[in-house]
Amino acid sequence: MSEDTPKPEVPVADSEETSTGVSTDQPTMEHLLHENKKYRTRAQESETKVAELEKKFTSIEEAQLKEKEDFKTLYEKVSSDNESLSLTAKKWDAYESNRRETLLESVPEEERERLEKLDLDTLEYVTGKINSTKANAPEVIGNPRSDHKQITEDWTNMDEKTRRQNWNNIVASAKNKN
């Protein structure tokens, strides 16, 4: 193969001496040697630059791989946190729905529809207020409410009839004094 291709021939100039006595072959040879050195140093510089760029490129690729691995570990960490938080959220939702049901059961049916829309804290507050209000004690027939009247005059100065009519008030006022 190398035999088939003709080799370029370098023209060789006849060694003629110039007026200074230096042959014309010398400057061309020095010139060629100088060019050869120049190309060799340029090639070496290019090779070193290519080697440096390849090193930088591999270091960047390694950094990206490390970064991807960090993302992988970050992803694993975040996914485990997400799982634990979702379990906590499910527990809270179950607690809130159970608490809401028990609070709404303690409220009269007429009020349930309006109270269902409230958040849990407000619902607890409102149901606490509703349940803390005490209903009046039912009145028994024949036993009217007794509002103890304050007796203005001394019971010892009353006549017997008035004293008998106000006897319960007299006793109640005596109990209140003690």
C-alpha atoms as a PDB file:
ATOM      1  CA  MET A   1       0.000   0.000   0.000  1.00  0.00           C
ATOM      2  CA  SER A   2       2.677   2.445   0.907  1.00  0.00           C
ATOM      3  CA  GLU A   3       4.531   1.342  -2.144  1.00  0.00           C
ATOM      4  CA  ASP A   4       1.634   2.232  -4.429  1.00  0.00           C
ATOM      5  CA  THR A   5       1.470   5.854  -3.382  1.00  0.00           C
ATOM      6  CA  PRO A   6       4.175   8.015  -4.861  1.00  0.00           C
ATOM      7  CA  LYS A   7       6.196  10.035  -2.401  1.00  0.00           C
ATOM      8  CA  PRO A   8       6.320  13.745  -2.983  1.00  0.00           C
ATOM      9  CA  GLU A   9       9.704  14.834  -4.031  1.00  0.00           C
ATOM     10  CA  VAL A  10      11.264  17.829  -2.440  1.00  0.00           C
ATOM     11  CA  PRO A  11      13.008  19.939  -5.067  1.00  0.00           C
ATOM     12  CA  VAL A  12      16.649  20.163  -4.331  1.00  0.00           C
ATOM     13  CA  ALA A  13      18.231  23.360  -5.401  1.00  0.00           C
ATOM     14  CA  ASP A  14      21.711  23.338  -6.771  1.00  0.00           C
ATOM     15  CA  SER A  15      24.121  24.560  -4.261  1.00  0.00           C
ATOM     16  CA  GLU A  16      25.046  27.831  -5.689  1.00  0.00           C
ATOM     17  CA  GLU A  17      27.022  30.168  -3.670  1.00  0.00           C
ATOM     18  CA  THR A  18      25.857  33.689  -3.329  1.00  0.00           C
ATOM     19  CA  SER A  19      28.001  36.721  -3.222  1.00  0.00           C
ATOM     20  CA  THR A  20      28.437  36.294   0.523  1.00  0.00           C
ATOM     21  CA  GLY A  21      29.702  32.789   0.152  1.00  0.00           C
ATOM     22  CA  VAL A  22      26.711  31.057   1.829  1.00  0.00           C
ATOM     23  CA  SER A  23      24.905  28.401  -0.130  1.00  0.00           C
ATOM     24  CA  THR A  24      21.165  28.764  -0.814  1.00  0.00           C
ATOM     25  CA  ASP A  25      20.463  25.277   0.629  1.00  0.00           C
ATOM     26  CA  GLN A  26      21.346  26.374   4.157  1.00  0.00           C
ATOM     27  CA  PRO A  27      18.586  28.932   4.683  1.00  0.00           C
ATOM     28  CA  THR A  28      15.923  26.595   3.383  1.00  0.00           C
ATOM     29  CA  MET A  29      17.086  23.777   5.636  1.00  0.00           C
ATOM     30  CA  GLU A  30      17.165  26.042   8.680  1.00  0.00           C
ATOM     31  CA  HIS A  31      13.851  27.408   7.686  1.00  0.00           C
ATOM     32  CA  LEU A  32      12.401  23.894   7.411  1.00  0.00           C
ATOM     33  CA  LEU A  33      13.893  22.878  10.745  1.00  0.00           C
ATOM     34  CA  HIS A  34      12.480  25.993  12.352  1.00  0.00           C
ATOM     35  CA  GLU A  35       9.025  25.281  10.894  1.00  0.00           C
ATOM     36  CA  ASN A  36       9.270  21.671  12.005  1.00  0.00           C
ATOM     37  CA  LYS A  37      10.025  22.745  15.586  1.00  0.00           C
ATOM     38  CA  LYS A  38       7.210  25.256  15.466  1.00  0.00           C
ATOM     39  CA  TYR A  39       4.687  22.636  14.288  1.00  0.00           C
ATOM     40  CA  ARG A  40       5.976  20.122  16.808  1.00  0.00           C
ATOM     41  CA  THR A  41       5.563  22.545  19.723  1.00  0.00           C
ATOM     42  CA  ARG A  42       2.133  23.570  18.426  1.00  0.00           C
ATOM     43  CA  ALA A  43       1.107  19.884  18.217  1.00  0.00           C
ATOM     44  CA  GLN A  44       2.410  19.220  21.733  1.00  0.00           C
ATOM     45  CA  GLU A  45       0.522  22.249  23.088  1.00  0.00           C
ATOM     46  CA  SER A  46      -2.630  21.070  21.342  1.00  0.00           C
ATOM     47  CA  GLU A  47      -2.214  17.583  22.751  1.00  0.00           C
ATOM     48  CA  THR A  48      -1.771  18.948  26.279  1.00  0.00           C
ATOM     49  CA  LYS A  49      -4.833  21.191  25.855  1.00  0.00           C
ATOM     50  CA  VAL A  50      -6.859  18.230  24.595  1.00  0.00           C
ATOM     51  CA  ALA A  51      -5.696  16.159  27.567  1.00  0.00           C
ATOM     52  CA  GLU A  52      -6.640  18.959  29.984  1.00  0.00           C
ATOM     53  CA  LEU A  53     -10.031  19.403  28.359  1.00  0.00           C
ATOM     54  CA  GLU A  54     -10.654  15.660  28.505  1.00  0.00           C
ATOM     55  CA  LYS A  55      -9.771  15.694  32.210  1.00  0.00           C
ATOM     56  CA  LYS A  56     -12.130  18.615  32.778  1.00  0.00           C
ATOM     57  CA  PHE A  57     -14.843  16.888  30.793  1.00  0.00           C
ATOM     58  CA  THR A  58     -14.513  13.661  32.805  1.00  0.00           C
ATOM     59  CA  SER A  59     -14.477  15.609  36.078  1.00  0.00           C
ATOM     60  CA  ILE A  60     -17.640  17.454  35.011  1.00  0.00           C
ATOM     61  CA  GLU A  61     -19.273  14.152  34.092  1.00  0.00           C
ATOM     62  CA  GLU A  62     -18.286  12.692  37.468  1.00  0.00           C
ATOM     63  CA  ALA A  63     -19.654  15.752  39.232  1.00  0.00           C
ATOM     64  CA  GLN A  64     -22.912  15.394  37.348  1.00  0.00           C
ATOM     65  CA  LEU A  65     -23.079  11.711  38.245  1.00  0.00           C
ATOM     66  CA  LYS A  66     -22.403  12.567  41.866  1.00  0.00           C
ATOM     67  CA  GLU A  67     -25.076  15.216  41.664  1.00  0.00           C
ATOM     68  CA  LYS A  68     -27.465  12.689  40.180  1.00  0.00           C
ATOM     69  CA  GLU A  69     -26.628  10.295  42.974  1.00  0.00           C
ATOM     70  CA  ASP A  70     -27.311  13.059  45.462  1.00  0.00           C
ATOM     71  CA  PHE A  71     -30.638  13.620  43.805  1.00  0.00           C
ATOM     72  CA  LYS A  72     -31.277   9.927  44.129  1.00  0.00           C
ATOM     73  CA  THR A  73     -30.566   9.995  47.863  1.00  0.00           C
ATOM     74  CA  LEU A  74     -32.528  13.215  48.248  1.00  0.00           C
ATOM     75  CA  TYR A  75     -35.398  11.615  46.371  1.00  0.00           C
ATOM     76  CA  GLU A  76     -35.275   8.572  48.641  1.00  0.00           C
ATOM     77  CA  LYS A  77     -35.206  10.777  51.745  1.00  0.00           C
ATOM     78  CA  VAL A  78     -38.076  12.956  50.556  1.00  0.00           C
ATOM     79  CA  SER A  79     -40.146   9.935  49.550  1.00  0.00           C
ATOM     80  CA  SER A  80     -39.686   8.341  52.998  1.00  0.00           C
ATOM     81  CA  ASP A  81     -40.646  11.641  54.659  1.00  0.00           C
ATOM     82  CA  ASN A  82     -43.639  11.850  52.355  1.00  0.00           C
ATOM     83  CA  GLU A  83     -44.758   8.348  53.343  1.00  0.00           C
ATOM     84  CA  SER A  84     -44.528   9.102  57.062  1.00  0.00           C
ATOM     85  CA  LEU A  85     -46.342  12.410  56.634  1.00  0.00           C
ATOM     86  CA  SER A  86     -49.079  10.796  54.565  1.00  0.00           C
ATOM     87  CA  LEU A  87     -49.613   8.221  57.332  1.00  0.00           C
ATOM     88  CA  THR A  88     -49.837  11.037  59.879  1.00  0.00           C
ATOM     89  CA  ALA A  89     -52.272  12.900  57.629  1.00  0.00           C
ATOM     90  CA  LYS A  90     -54.466   9.808  57.311  1.00  0.00           C
ATOM     91  CA  LYS A  91     -54.495   9.376  61.099  1.00  0.00           C
ATOM     92  CA  TRP A  92     -55.417  13.038  61.558  1.00  0.00           C
ATOM     93  CA  ASP A  93     -58.208  12.825  58.986  1.00  0.00           C
ATOM     94  CA  ALA A  94     -59.639   9.765  60.753  1.00  0.00           C
ATOM     95  CA  TYR A  95     -59.418  11.506  64.148  1.00  0.00           C
ATOM     96  CA  GLU A  96     -61.010  14.676  62.802  1.00  0.00           C
ATOM     97  CA  SER A  97     -63.912  12.846  61.170  1.00  0.00           C
ATOM     98  CA  ASN A  98     -64.576  10.805  64.342  1.00  0.00           C
ATOM     99  CA  ARG A  99     -64.391  13.897  66.548  1.00  0.00           C
ATOM    100  CA  ARG A 100     -66.639  15.834  64.177  1.00  0.00           C
ATOM    101  CA  GLU A 101     -69.222  13.018  64.241  1.00  0.00           C
ATOM    102  CA  THR A 102     -69.265  12.847  68.045  1.00  0.00           C
ATOM    103  CA  LEU A 103     -69.579  16.626  68.337  1.00  0.00           C
ATOM    104  CA  LEU A 104     -72.395  16.780  65.796  1.00  0.00           C
ATOM    105  CA  GLU A 105     -74.244  13.965  67.579  1.00  0.00           C
ATOM    106  CA  SER A 106     -74.341  16.073  70.732  1.00  0.00           C
ATOM    107  CA  VAL A 107     -76.045  18.939  68.881  1.00  0.00           C
ATOM    108  CA  PRO A 108     -79.767  19.090  68.083  1.00  0.00           C
ATOM    109  CA  GLU A 109     -80.622  17.915  64.559  1.00  0.00           C
ATOM    110  CA  GLU A 110     -81.847  21.343  63.486  1.00  0.00           C
ATOM    111  CA  GLU A 111     -78.387  22.788  64.057  1.00  0.00           C
ATOM    112  CA  ARG A 112     -76.307  19.950  62.519  1.00  0.00           C
ATOM    113  CA  GLU A 113     -76.583  21.063  58.912  1.00  0.00           C
ATOM    114  CA  ARG A 114     -75.277  24.543  59.683  1.00  0.00           C
ATOM    115  CA  LEU A 115     -72.515  23.282  61.984  1.00  0.00           C
ATOM    116  CA  GLU A 116     -71.194  20.632  59.572  1.00  0.00           C
ATOM    117  CA  LYS A 117     -69.504  23.337  57.502  1.00  0.00           C
ATOM    118  CA  LEU A 118     -67.412  24.704  60.390  1.00  0.00           C
ATOM    119  CA  ASP A 119     -63.790  23.744  60.977  1.00  0.00           C
ATOM    120  CA  LEU A 120     -63.028  21.483  63.938  1.00  0.00           C
ATOM    121  CA  ASP A 121     -61.870  24.179  66.399  1.00  0.00           C
ATOM    122  CA  THR A 122     -64.928  26.344  65.785  1.00  0.00           C
ATOM    123  CA  LEU A 123     -67.200  23.306  65.946  1.00  0.00           C
ATOM    124  CA  GLU A 124     -65.742  22.315  69.335  1.00  0.00           C
ATOM    125  CA  TYR A 125     -66.217  25.844  70.641  1.00  0.00           C
ATOM    126  CA  VAL A 126     -69.813  26.142  69.419  1.00  0.00           C
ATOM    127  CA  THR A 127     -70.861  22.701  70.650  1.00  0.00           C
ATOM    128  CA  GLY A 128     -69.234  23.451  73.996  1.00  0.00           C
ATOM    129  CA  LYS A 129     -71.290  26.629  74.258  1.00  0.00           C
ATOM    130  CA  ILE A 130     -74.472  24.861  73.194  1.00  0.00           C
ATOM    131  CA  ASN A 131     -73.980  22.008  75.637  1.00  0.00           C
ATOM    132  CA  SER A 132     -72.883  24.219  78.536  1.00  0.00           C
ATOM    133  CA  THR A 133     -76.089  26.238  78.555  1.00  0.00           C
ATOM    134  CA  LYS A 134     -78.294  24.753  81.222  1.00  0.00           C
ATOM    135  CA  ALA A 135     -81.920  24.291  80.519  1.00  0.00           C
ATOM    136  CA  ASN A 136     -84.395  25.518  83.094  1.00  0.00           C
ATOM    137  CA  ALA A 137     -85.562  22.865  85.480  1.00  0.00           C
ATOM    138  CA  PRO A 138     -89.033  21.669  84.571  1.00  0.00           C
ATOM    139  CA  GLU A 139     -91.757  22.904  86.818  1.00  0.00           C
ATOM    140  CA  VAL A 140     -93.714  20.322  88.659  1.00  0.00           C
ATOM    141  CA  ILE A 141     -97.432  20.881  88.913  1.00  0.00           C
ATOM    142  CA  GLY A 142     -98.360  21.965  92.364  1.00  0.00           C
ATOM    143  CA  ASN A 143     -94.814  23.037  93.169  1.00  0.00           C
ATOM    144  CA  PRO A 144     -94.457  26.546  91.809  1.00  0.00           C
ATOM    145  CA  ARG A 145     -91.110  28.241  91.578  1.00  0.00           C
ATOM    146  CA  SER A 146     -90.240  29.771  94.825  1.00  0.00           C
ATOM    147  CA  ASP A 147     -88.669  33.135  94.538  1.00  0.00           C
ATOM    148  CA  HIS A 148     -87.689  33.833  98.063  1.00  0.00           C
ATOM    149  CA  LYS A 149     -88.856  37.287  98.828  1.00  0.00           C
ATOM    150  CA  GLN A 150     -86.779  39.338 101.081  1.00  0.00           C
ATOM    151  CA  ILE A 151     -88.691  40.224 104.176  1.00  0.00           C
ATOM    152  CA  THR A 152     -88.438  43.870 104.907  1.00  0.00           C
ATOM    153  CA  GLU A 153     -89.884  43.871 108.372  1.00  0.00           C
ATOM    154  CA  ASP A 154     -88.695  41.927 111.363  1.00  0.00           C
ATOM    155  CA  TRP A 155     -90.536  38.613 111.731  1.00  0.00           C
ATOM    156  CA  THR A 156     -90.796  39.063 115.486  1.00  0.00           C
ATOM    157  CA  ASN A 157     -92.954  42.160 115.020  1.00  0.00           C
ATOM    158  CA  MET A 158     -95.382  40.453 112.555  1.00  0.00           C
ATOM    159  CA  ASP A 159     -98.780  39.306 113.531  1.00  0.00           C
ATOM    160  CA  GLU A 160     -99.380  35.565 113.573  1.00  0.00           C
ATOM    161  CA  LYS A 161    -101.310  35.411 110.293  1.00  0.00           C
ATOM    162  CA  THR A 162     -98.639  37.250 108.301  1.00  0.00           C
ATOM    163  CA  ARG A 163     -95.923  35.215 109.924  1.00  0.00           C
ATOM    164  CA  ARG A 164     -97.652  31.954 108.855  1.00  0.00           C
ATOM    165  CA  GLN A 165     -98.029  33.193 105.272  1.00  0.00           C
ATOM    166  CA  ASN A 166     -94.349  34.212 105.040  1.00  0.00           C
ATOM    167  CA  TRP A 167     -92.890  31.403 107.153  1.00  0.00           C
ATOM    168  CA  ASN A 168     -91.052  29.779 104.173  1.00  0.00           C
ATOM    169  CA  ASN A 169     -89.501  33.129 103.253  1.00  0.00           C
ATOM    170  CA  ILE A 170     -88.472  33.720 106.854  1.00  0.00           C
ATOM    171  CA  VAL A 171     -86.727  30.335 107.032  1.00  0.00           C
ATOM    172  CA  ALA A 172     -85.068  30.816 103.604  1.00  0.00           C
ATOM    173  CA  SER A 173     -83.742  34.246 104.588  1.00  0.00           C
ATOM    174  CA  ALA A 174     -82.411  32.781 107.824  1.00  0.00           C
ATOM    175  CA  LYS A 175     -80.575  30.055 105.816  1.00  0.00           C
ATOM    176  CA  ASN A 176     -79.118  32.644 103.475  1.00  0.00           C
ATOM    177  CA  LYS A 177     -77.732  34.614 106.406  1.00  0.00           C
ATOM    178  CA  ASN A 178     -75.860  31.574 107.726  1.00  0.00           C
END
